Protein backbone atom coordinates (compact mmCIF):
# COMPACT_ATOMS: atom_id res chain seq x y z
CA MET A 1 24.65 -35.21 20.08
CA SER A 2 25.36 -32.06 17.73
CA THR A 3 28.33 -29.99 18.80
CA PRO A 4 28.46 -26.07 19.23
CA GLN A 5 29.54 -25.82 15.83
CA GLU A 6 27.08 -27.68 14.34
CA ASP A 7 24.72 -26.08 15.81
CA ASN A 8 25.45 -22.88 14.86
CA LYS A 9 26.25 -23.55 11.11
CA THR A 10 22.46 -25.38 11.12
CA GLY A 11 21.29 -21.91 12.51
CA ALA A 12 22.93 -19.86 9.71
CA ALA A 13 21.55 -22.04 7.16
CA SER A 14 18.01 -21.69 8.73
CA ALA A 15 18.58 -18.03 9.05
CA LEU A 16 19.59 -17.87 5.18
CA ASP A 17 16.73 -19.74 3.92
CA ASP A 18 14.18 -17.44 6.17
CA TRP A 19 16.40 -14.37 4.45
CA LYS A 20 15.52 -15.93 0.91
CA GLU A 21 11.64 -16.57 1.71
CA CYS A 22 11.89 -13.16 3.09
CA ARG A 23 12.96 -11.45 -0.20
CA THR A 24 10.67 -13.44 -2.60
CA THR A 25 7.85 -12.23 -0.57
CA ILE A 26 8.86 -9.18 -0.63
CA GLY A 27 9.20 -9.09 -4.45
CA ARG A 28 5.68 -10.81 -4.90
CA LEU A 29 4.55 -7.76 -2.86
CA ASP A 30 6.30 -5.64 -4.75
CA GLY A 31 4.81 -6.72 -8.20
CA LEU A 32 1.63 -7.10 -6.61
CA LEU A 33 2.11 -3.02 -5.88
CA ALA A 34 3.37 -2.22 -9.39
CA ASP A 35 0.10 -3.89 -11.19
CA THR A 36 -2.38 -1.93 -8.76
CA ARG A 37 -0.09 1.46 -9.77
CA LYS A 38 -0.10 0.45 -13.28
CA TYR A 39 -3.81 -0.39 -13.69
CA GLY A 40 -5.43 2.05 -11.08
CA PHE A 41 -3.58 4.97 -12.42
CA THR A 42 -4.44 4.25 -16.21
CA LEU A 43 -8.16 3.75 -15.32
CA VAL A 44 -8.41 6.31 -13.11
CA THR A 45 -7.00 8.67 -15.88
CA VAL A 46 -9.46 7.30 -18.92
CA LEU A 47 -12.43 8.21 -16.17
CA LEU A 48 -11.38 11.68 -15.44
CA THR A 49 -10.93 12.08 -19.15
CA ALA A 50 -13.98 10.81 -19.82
CA ASN A 51 -15.95 12.72 -17.51
CA ALA A 52 -14.47 16.34 -18.79
CA LEU A 53 -14.90 15.31 -22.23
CA VAL A 54 -18.75 13.62 -22.34
CA THR A 55 -21.52 15.95 -22.30
CA PRO A 56 -24.03 14.79 -19.55
CA HIS A 57 -27.88 15.04 -19.96
CA ASP A 58 -27.80 17.20 -16.74
CA PRO A 59 -24.55 18.31 -16.44
CA ILE A 60 -24.18 19.58 -13.00
CA VAL A 61 -25.72 16.62 -11.23
CA ASP A 62 -24.06 14.33 -13.62
CA ARG A 63 -20.58 15.80 -13.25
CA ILE A 64 -20.70 15.67 -9.53
CA ALA A 65 -22.04 11.69 -9.60
CA ALA A 66 -19.23 11.38 -11.82
CA SER A 67 -16.95 12.88 -9.77
CA ALA A 68 -17.91 11.21 -6.51
CA ALA A 69 -17.50 7.52 -8.22
CA VAL A 70 -13.80 7.79 -9.22
CA MET A 71 -12.94 9.49 -6.05
CA ALA A 72 -14.08 6.55 -4.61
CA LEU A 73 -12.08 4.26 -6.81
CA ILE A 74 -9.14 6.47 -5.54
CA VAL A 75 -10.12 5.53 -2.13
CA VAL A 76 -9.94 1.35 -2.97
CA LEU A 77 -6.87 1.95 -4.82
CA TYR A 78 -5.09 4.17 -2.12
CA THR A 79 -6.24 1.30 1.02
CA ILE A 80 -4.79 -1.48 -1.65
CA ASP A 81 -1.53 0.35 -2.19
CA ARG A 82 -1.10 1.30 1.16
CA TYR A 83 -1.51 -2.25 2.26
CA TYR A 84 1.12 -3.84 -0.19
CA TRP A 85 3.34 -1.09 0.95
CA ILE A 86 3.48 -1.36 4.55
CA LEU A 87 3.64 -5.38 4.48
CA MET A 88 6.57 -4.19 1.91
CA GLY A 89 8.17 -2.71 4.92
CA ALA A 90 7.57 -5.45 7.46
CA GLY A 91 9.09 -7.71 5.13
CA ALA A 92 11.85 -5.14 4.77
CA GLN A 93 12.24 -4.63 8.51
CA LEU A 94 12.46 -8.51 8.79
CA ALA A 95 15.26 -9.27 6.30
CA GLY A 96 17.15 -6.38 8.04
CA GLN A 97 17.42 -8.35 10.97
CA LEU A 98 18.04 -11.26 9.43
CA GLU A 99 20.94 -9.61 7.89
CA LYS A 100 22.91 -8.65 10.93
CA ASP A 101 23.21 -12.17 11.83
CA LEU A 102 24.22 -13.12 7.62
CA GLN A 103 26.20 -10.25 7.53
CA LEU A 104 24.65 -9.31 4.25
CA ARG A 105 23.20 -5.53 3.70
CA THR A 106 21.06 -6.11 0.46
CA THR A 107 18.10 -4.96 2.40
CA THR A 108 19.61 -2.09 4.00
CA TRP A 109 20.87 -0.85 1.10
CA LEU A 110 17.54 -1.22 -0.78
CA ARG A 111 15.86 0.58 2.04
CA ALA A 112 18.23 3.39 2.31
CA ALA A 113 17.81 4.35 -1.73
CA ALA A 114 14.14 4.14 -1.22
CA VAL A 115 14.07 6.52 1.37
CA ARG A 116 16.30 8.91 -0.21
CA THR A 117 14.22 9.21 -3.05
CA GLY A 118 11.07 10.00 -1.69
CA ALA A 119 9.03 7.84 -3.63
CA ASN A 120 6.65 6.86 -0.92
CA PRO A 121 5.68 10.80 0.05
CA ALA A 122 5.68 11.47 -4.03
CA ILE A 123 3.25 8.41 -4.40
CA ALA A 124 1.01 9.15 -1.88
CA SER A 125 0.89 12.76 -3.66
CA ILE A 126 -0.54 11.74 -6.56
CA TYR A 127 -3.75 9.80 -4.66
CA TYR A 128 -4.33 13.47 -3.39
CA GLY A 129 -3.84 14.62 -7.03
CA PHE A 130 -6.07 12.74 -8.56
CA VAL A 131 -9.31 13.41 -6.12
CA LEU A 132 -8.42 17.07 -6.44
CA VAL A 133 -8.34 17.03 -10.46
CA ALA A 134 -11.75 15.10 -10.38
CA ALA A 135 -13.35 17.42 -8.01
CA GLY A 136 -11.76 20.33 -10.70
CA VAL A 137 -13.73 18.28 -13.60
CA ALA A 138 -17.11 18.86 -11.63
CA ALA A 139 -16.07 22.46 -10.46
CA VAL A 140 -15.60 23.60 -14.05
CA VAL A 141 -19.61 23.24 -14.13
CA VAL A 142 -20.66 23.26 -10.53
CA TRP A 143 -18.91 26.21 -9.78
CA PRO A 144 -20.16 29.20 -12.06
CA SER A 145 -23.65 27.66 -11.79
CA GLY A 146 -23.84 29.16 -8.44
CA ARG A 147 -26.25 26.50 -7.05
CA ALA A 148 -24.99 26.52 -3.47
CA ASP A 149 -26.38 23.25 -2.79
CA ALA A 150 -24.39 21.71 -5.70
CA ILE A 151 -21.27 23.41 -4.34
CA ALA A 152 -22.15 22.25 -0.75
CA TRP A 153 -22.44 18.49 -2.02
CA LEU A 154 -18.75 18.90 -4.12
CA VAL A 155 -17.01 20.11 -1.62
CA GLY A 156 -18.40 17.97 1.31
CA LEU A 157 -17.28 14.62 -0.95
CA THR A 158 -14.00 16.10 -1.85
CA ALA A 159 -13.36 16.80 1.93
CA ALA A 160 -14.65 13.53 2.53
CA ALA A 161 -12.10 11.51 0.23
CA LEU A 162 -9.49 13.43 1.12
CA LEU A 163 -10.31 12.60 5.18
CA LEU A 164 -10.65 9.22 4.08
CA LEU A 165 -7.30 8.93 2.43
CA VAL A 166 -5.66 10.60 5.55
CA VAL A 167 -7.65 8.24 7.87
CA LEU A 168 -6.82 5.34 5.95
CA GLU A 169 -2.82 6.37 6.27
CA VAL A 170 -2.85 6.79 9.89
CA PHE A 171 -4.54 3.49 10.67
CA LEU A 172 -2.56 0.90 8.37
CA ARG A 173 0.76 2.93 10.07
CA THR A 174 -0.30 2.64 13.47
CA ASP A 175 -2.04 -0.80 13.43
CA THR A 176 1.30 -2.82 12.39
CA SER A 177 1.34 -5.37 14.81
CA ARG A 178 -1.49 -7.56 13.04
CA LEU A 179 0.18 -6.87 9.59
CA MET A 180 3.56 -7.94 11.14
CA ALA A 181 2.44 -11.62 12.32
CA TRP A 182 0.60 -12.06 9.13
CA PHE A 183 4.05 -11.63 7.35
CA ARG A 184 6.10 -13.72 9.81
CA ARG A 185 3.41 -16.31 9.00
CA GLN A 186 3.81 -15.69 5.33
CA VAL A 187 7.49 -16.21 5.11
CA ARG A 188 7.87 -18.69 8.60
CA LEU A 189 10.46 -17.20 10.53
CA GLY A 190 10.55 -19.32 13.08
CA THR A 191 7.30 -18.68 14.65
CA THR A 192 5.92 -22.30 15.41
CA GLN A 193 7.70 -23.82 17.83
CA PRO A 194 9.11 -27.27 17.06
CA LYS A 195 6.99 -30.30 18.23
CA GLY A 196 8.54 -32.44 20.98
CA PRO A 197 9.50 -35.95 20.83
CA ALA A 198 6.15 -38.20 20.92
CA THR A 199 5.03 -39.49 24.47
CA GLN A 200 4.96 -43.34 24.87
CA ALA A 201 0.59 -43.93 26.10
């Protein structure tokens, strides 16, 4: 029969293993998030530049269609970005809870530094800026034309894209219980109950 001291040592070792796995998962998600932003921002920039420089056959219709496609891509990238970001936040929260018992401060310091930099709002503003730039590229041609239908389409598409970004942000931030459960399953933080001894038939 194990002593209380042995049980404490076993529990501390298990918590340390869970914390290491949690940090590993956070690092993997951080890499995925960095790749999403790096390649996504590059692609959006290239498409915006092409939309601005290429002379279309039907300037008004083609500009609106191209800007709408870029806006759709921005919404998709934003969805992936926010999903990874919130999963990382859930992982940091779990790691912080474990650090209280392990007397560690790695995650606590990193989270505090991330909050001080204001990186999250800044990154979000870039996506909103991309939508406005895409609208501006089309507006340069659409607005001087004076066509009410074209202007209405452009304004409606821009408003819809911005609204989608806001809705996605709110939804992903409020529906965190499912994401927390996913993260717990990934890092195996004691959510599976140990099986009892096998019973004899």
